[in-house]
Amino acid sequence: MTLRQLEKSIPAIRRQLNSGEKKIVIIDGPAGPTGKTTAMHTLQDAGIPAYEEYQVLHITVGPSSP
């Protein structure tokens, strides 16, 4: 997704978050300068809670592997 596409998607993203099921946006993508941080800041500037993948603590619940 390009930055322009992301900017055009902000109203739809906001609607999804306001629907109640989704709470935050996680920005993910290949390592390197792909625009992830810019995308995160664009969403945050629009009042949307957004984080990059590395900023999130993942917890997996379920049976442990042998």
N, C-alpha and C. Protein backbone atom coordinates (compact mmCIF):
# COMPACT_ATOMS: atom_id res chain seq x y z
N MET A 1 0.84 -1.17 0.00
CA MET A 1 0.00 0.00 0.00
C MET A 1 0.89 1.24 0.00
N THR A 2 0.60 2.15 -0.87
CA THR A 2 1.36 3.39 -0.92
C THR A 2 0.84 4.36 0.15
N LEU A 3 1.62 5.40 0.42
CA LEU A 3 1.20 6.39 1.41
C LEU A 3 -0.10 7.07 0.96
N ARG A 4 -0.20 7.35 -0.31
CA ARG A 4 -1.43 7.97 -0.84
C ARG A 4 -2.63 7.04 -0.63
N GLN A 5 -2.45 5.75 -0.88
CA GLN A 5 -3.54 4.79 -0.67
C GLN A 5 -3.91 4.72 0.81
N LEU A 6 -2.89 4.76 1.67
CA LEU A 6 -3.14 4.73 3.11
C LEU A 6 -3.95 5.96 3.52
N GLU A 7 -3.55 7.12 3.04
CA GLU A 7 -4.27 8.35 3.39
C GLU A 7 -5.73 8.28 2.94
N LYS A 8 -5.98 7.71 1.76
CA LYS A 8 -7.35 7.57 1.28
C LYS A 8 -8.14 6.55 2.10
N SER A 9 -7.42 5.60 2.74
CA SER A 9 -8.06 4.55 3.52
C SER A 9 -8.37 4.96 4.95
N ILE A 10 -7.90 6.12 5.38
CA ILE A 10 -8.08 6.52 6.78
C ILE A 10 -9.54 6.51 7.21
N PRO A 11 -10.49 7.03 6.43
CA PRO A 11 -11.90 6.95 6.88
C PRO A 11 -12.38 5.51 7.08
N ALA A 12 -11.99 4.61 6.19
CA ALA A 12 -12.39 3.21 6.32
C ALA A 12 -11.72 2.56 7.53
N ILE A 13 -10.47 2.89 7.76
CA ILE A 13 -9.76 2.36 8.93
C ILE A 13 -10.44 2.86 10.20
N ARG A 14 -10.77 4.14 10.24
CA ARG A 14 -11.44 4.72 11.40
C ARG A 14 -12.79 4.03 11.64
N ARG A 15 -13.55 3.75 10.58
CA ARG A 15 -14.84 3.06 10.73
C ARG A 15 -14.65 1.67 11.34
N GLN A 16 -13.62 0.95 10.87
CA GLN A 16 -13.37 -0.38 11.42
C GLN A 16 -13.03 -0.31 12.90
N LEU A 17 -12.21 0.65 13.28
CA LEU A 17 -11.84 0.78 14.68
C LEU A 17 -13.03 1.21 15.53
N ASN A 18 -13.88 2.06 14.99
CA ASN A 18 -15.06 2.52 15.72
C ASN A 18 -16.13 1.45 15.84
N SER A 19 -16.06 0.41 15.00
CA SER A 19 -17.05 -0.66 15.06
C SER A 19 -16.93 -1.47 16.34
N GLY A 20 -15.78 -1.40 17.00
CA GLY A 20 -15.63 -2.04 18.29
C GLY A 20 -14.78 -3.29 18.31
N GLU A 21 -14.72 -4.03 17.22
CA GLU A 21 -13.97 -5.28 17.24
C GLU A 21 -12.47 -5.04 17.14
N LYS A 22 -12.06 -4.14 16.29
CA LYS A 22 -10.64 -3.82 16.11
C LYS A 22 -10.27 -2.67 17.04
N LYS A 23 -9.05 -2.71 17.60
CA LYS A 23 -8.65 -1.70 18.58
C LYS A 23 -7.46 -0.86 18.13
N ILE A 24 -6.49 -1.48 17.47
CA ILE A 24 -5.28 -0.78 17.04
C ILE A 24 -4.86 -1.27 15.67
N VAL A 25 -3.94 -0.55 15.06
CA VAL A 25 -3.38 -0.94 13.76
C VAL A 25 -1.91 -1.29 13.99
N ILE A 26 -1.50 -2.44 13.48
CA ILE A 26 -0.10 -2.86 13.52
C ILE A 26 0.45 -2.73 12.11
N ILE A 27 1.54 -1.98 11.97
CA ILE A 27 2.19 -1.80 10.68
C ILE A 27 3.29 -2.84 10.56
N ASP A 28 3.25 -3.62 9.51
CA ASP A 28 4.24 -4.68 9.30
C ASP A 28 4.72 -4.62 7.85
N GLY A 29 5.86 -5.19 7.60
CA GLY A 29 6.40 -5.24 6.25
C GLY A 29 7.84 -5.68 6.28
N PRO A 30 8.46 -5.80 5.13
CA PRO A 30 9.84 -6.25 5.07
C PRO A 30 10.78 -5.29 5.80
N ALA A 31 11.87 -5.85 6.32
CA ALA A 31 12.88 -5.02 6.98
C ALA A 31 13.45 -4.02 5.98
N GLY A 32 13.84 -2.88 6.49
CA GLY A 32 14.42 -1.87 5.62
C GLY A 32 13.49 -0.69 5.44
N PRO A 33 13.95 0.28 4.68
CA PRO A 33 13.19 1.52 4.49
C PRO A 33 12.03 1.36 3.50
N THR A 34 10.89 0.91 4.03
CA THR A 34 9.72 0.68 3.17
C THR A 34 8.60 1.67 3.43
N GLY A 35 8.74 2.51 4.46
CA GLY A 35 7.70 3.48 4.78
C GLY A 35 6.84 3.09 5.97
N LYS A 36 7.25 2.07 6.72
CA LYS A 36 6.45 1.63 7.86
C LYS A 36 6.30 2.74 8.91
N THR A 37 7.40 3.38 9.24
CA THR A 37 7.35 4.44 10.25
C THR A 37 6.52 5.62 9.76
N THR A 38 6.67 5.97 8.50
CA THR A 38 5.87 7.05 7.93
C THR A 38 4.39 6.70 7.98
N ALA A 39 4.05 5.45 7.65
CA ALA A 39 2.66 5.01 7.70
C ALA A 39 2.13 5.09 9.13
N MET A 40 2.94 4.66 10.09
CA MET A 40 2.52 4.71 11.49
C MET A 40 2.25 6.15 11.91
N HIS A 41 3.16 7.05 11.58
CA HIS A 41 2.99 8.46 11.96
C HIS A 41 1.79 9.09 11.25
N THR A 42 1.54 8.71 10.02
CA THR A 42 0.39 9.23 9.28
C THR A 42 -0.91 8.84 9.99
N LEU A 43 -0.99 7.58 10.40
CA LEU A 43 -2.19 7.12 11.11
C LEU A 43 -2.30 7.78 12.48
N GLN A 44 -1.19 7.86 13.20
CA GLN A 44 -1.21 8.49 14.52
C GLN A 44 -1.63 9.96 14.41
N ASP A 45 -1.13 10.65 13.41
CA ASP A 45 -1.50 12.06 13.21
C ASP A 45 -2.99 12.22 12.93
N ALA A 46 -3.61 11.15 12.39
CA ALA A 46 -5.05 11.17 12.13
C ALA A 46 -5.85 10.69 13.34
N GLY A 47 -5.15 10.45 14.47
CA GLY A 47 -5.83 10.03 15.69
C GLY A 47 -6.09 8.54 15.78
N ILE A 48 -5.42 7.76 14.94
CA ILE A 48 -5.60 6.32 14.92
C ILE A 48 -4.46 5.67 15.68
N PRO A 49 -4.77 4.79 16.66
CA PRO A 49 -3.71 4.12 17.41
C PRO A 49 -2.98 3.12 16.51
N ALA A 50 -1.74 3.42 16.19
CA ALA A 50 -0.97 2.58 15.27
C ALA A 50 0.42 2.36 15.83
N TYR A 51 0.94 1.15 15.64
CA TYR A 51 2.26 0.78 16.11
C TYR A 51 2.95 -0.06 15.05
N GLU A 52 4.27 -0.07 15.09
CA GLU A 52 5.02 -0.97 14.23
C GLU A 52 5.13 -2.32 14.93
N GLU A 53 5.29 -3.36 14.13
CA GLU A 53 5.32 -4.74 14.63
C GLU A 53 6.31 -4.90 15.79
N TYR A 54 7.48 -4.31 15.69
CA TYR A 54 8.51 -4.51 16.71
C TYR A 54 8.14 -3.85 18.05
N GLN A 55 7.15 -2.99 18.06
CA GLN A 55 6.75 -2.29 19.28
C GLN A 55 5.71 -3.05 20.09
N VAL A 56 5.29 -4.19 19.59
CA VAL A 56 4.20 -4.93 20.20
C VAL A 56 4.73 -6.19 20.88
N LEU A 57 4.24 -6.45 22.08
CA LEU A 57 4.56 -7.68 22.79
C LEU A 57 3.52 -8.73 22.41
N HIS A 58 3.96 -9.83 21.83
CA HIS A 58 3.06 -10.91 21.44
C HIS A 58 3.05 -11.96 22.53
N ILE A 59 1.87 -12.40 22.92
CA ILE A 59 1.72 -13.48 23.89
C ILE A 59 0.85 -14.55 23.24
N THR A 60 1.37 -15.77 23.16
CA THR A 60 0.62 -16.88 22.58
C THR A 60 0.14 -17.78 23.70
N VAL A 61 -1.14 -18.08 23.71
CA VAL A 61 -1.73 -18.93 24.73
C VAL A 61 -2.14 -20.24 24.08
N GLY A 62 -1.83 -21.34 24.73
CA GLY A 62 -2.21 -22.64 24.21
C GLY A 62 -1.25 -23.70 24.70
N PRO A 63 -1.46 -24.93 24.27
CA PRO A 63 -0.58 -26.01 24.70
C PRO A 63 0.86 -25.73 24.28
N SER A 64 1.78 -26.07 25.14
CA SER A 64 3.19 -25.86 24.80
C SER A 64 3.68 -26.98 23.89
N SER A 65 4.68 -26.66 23.11
CA SER A 65 5.26 -27.66 22.20
C SER A 65 6.17 -28.59 23.00
N PRO A 66 6.30 -29.85 22.55
CA PRO A 66 7.17 -30.80 23.28
C PRO A 66 8.63 -30.43 23.20
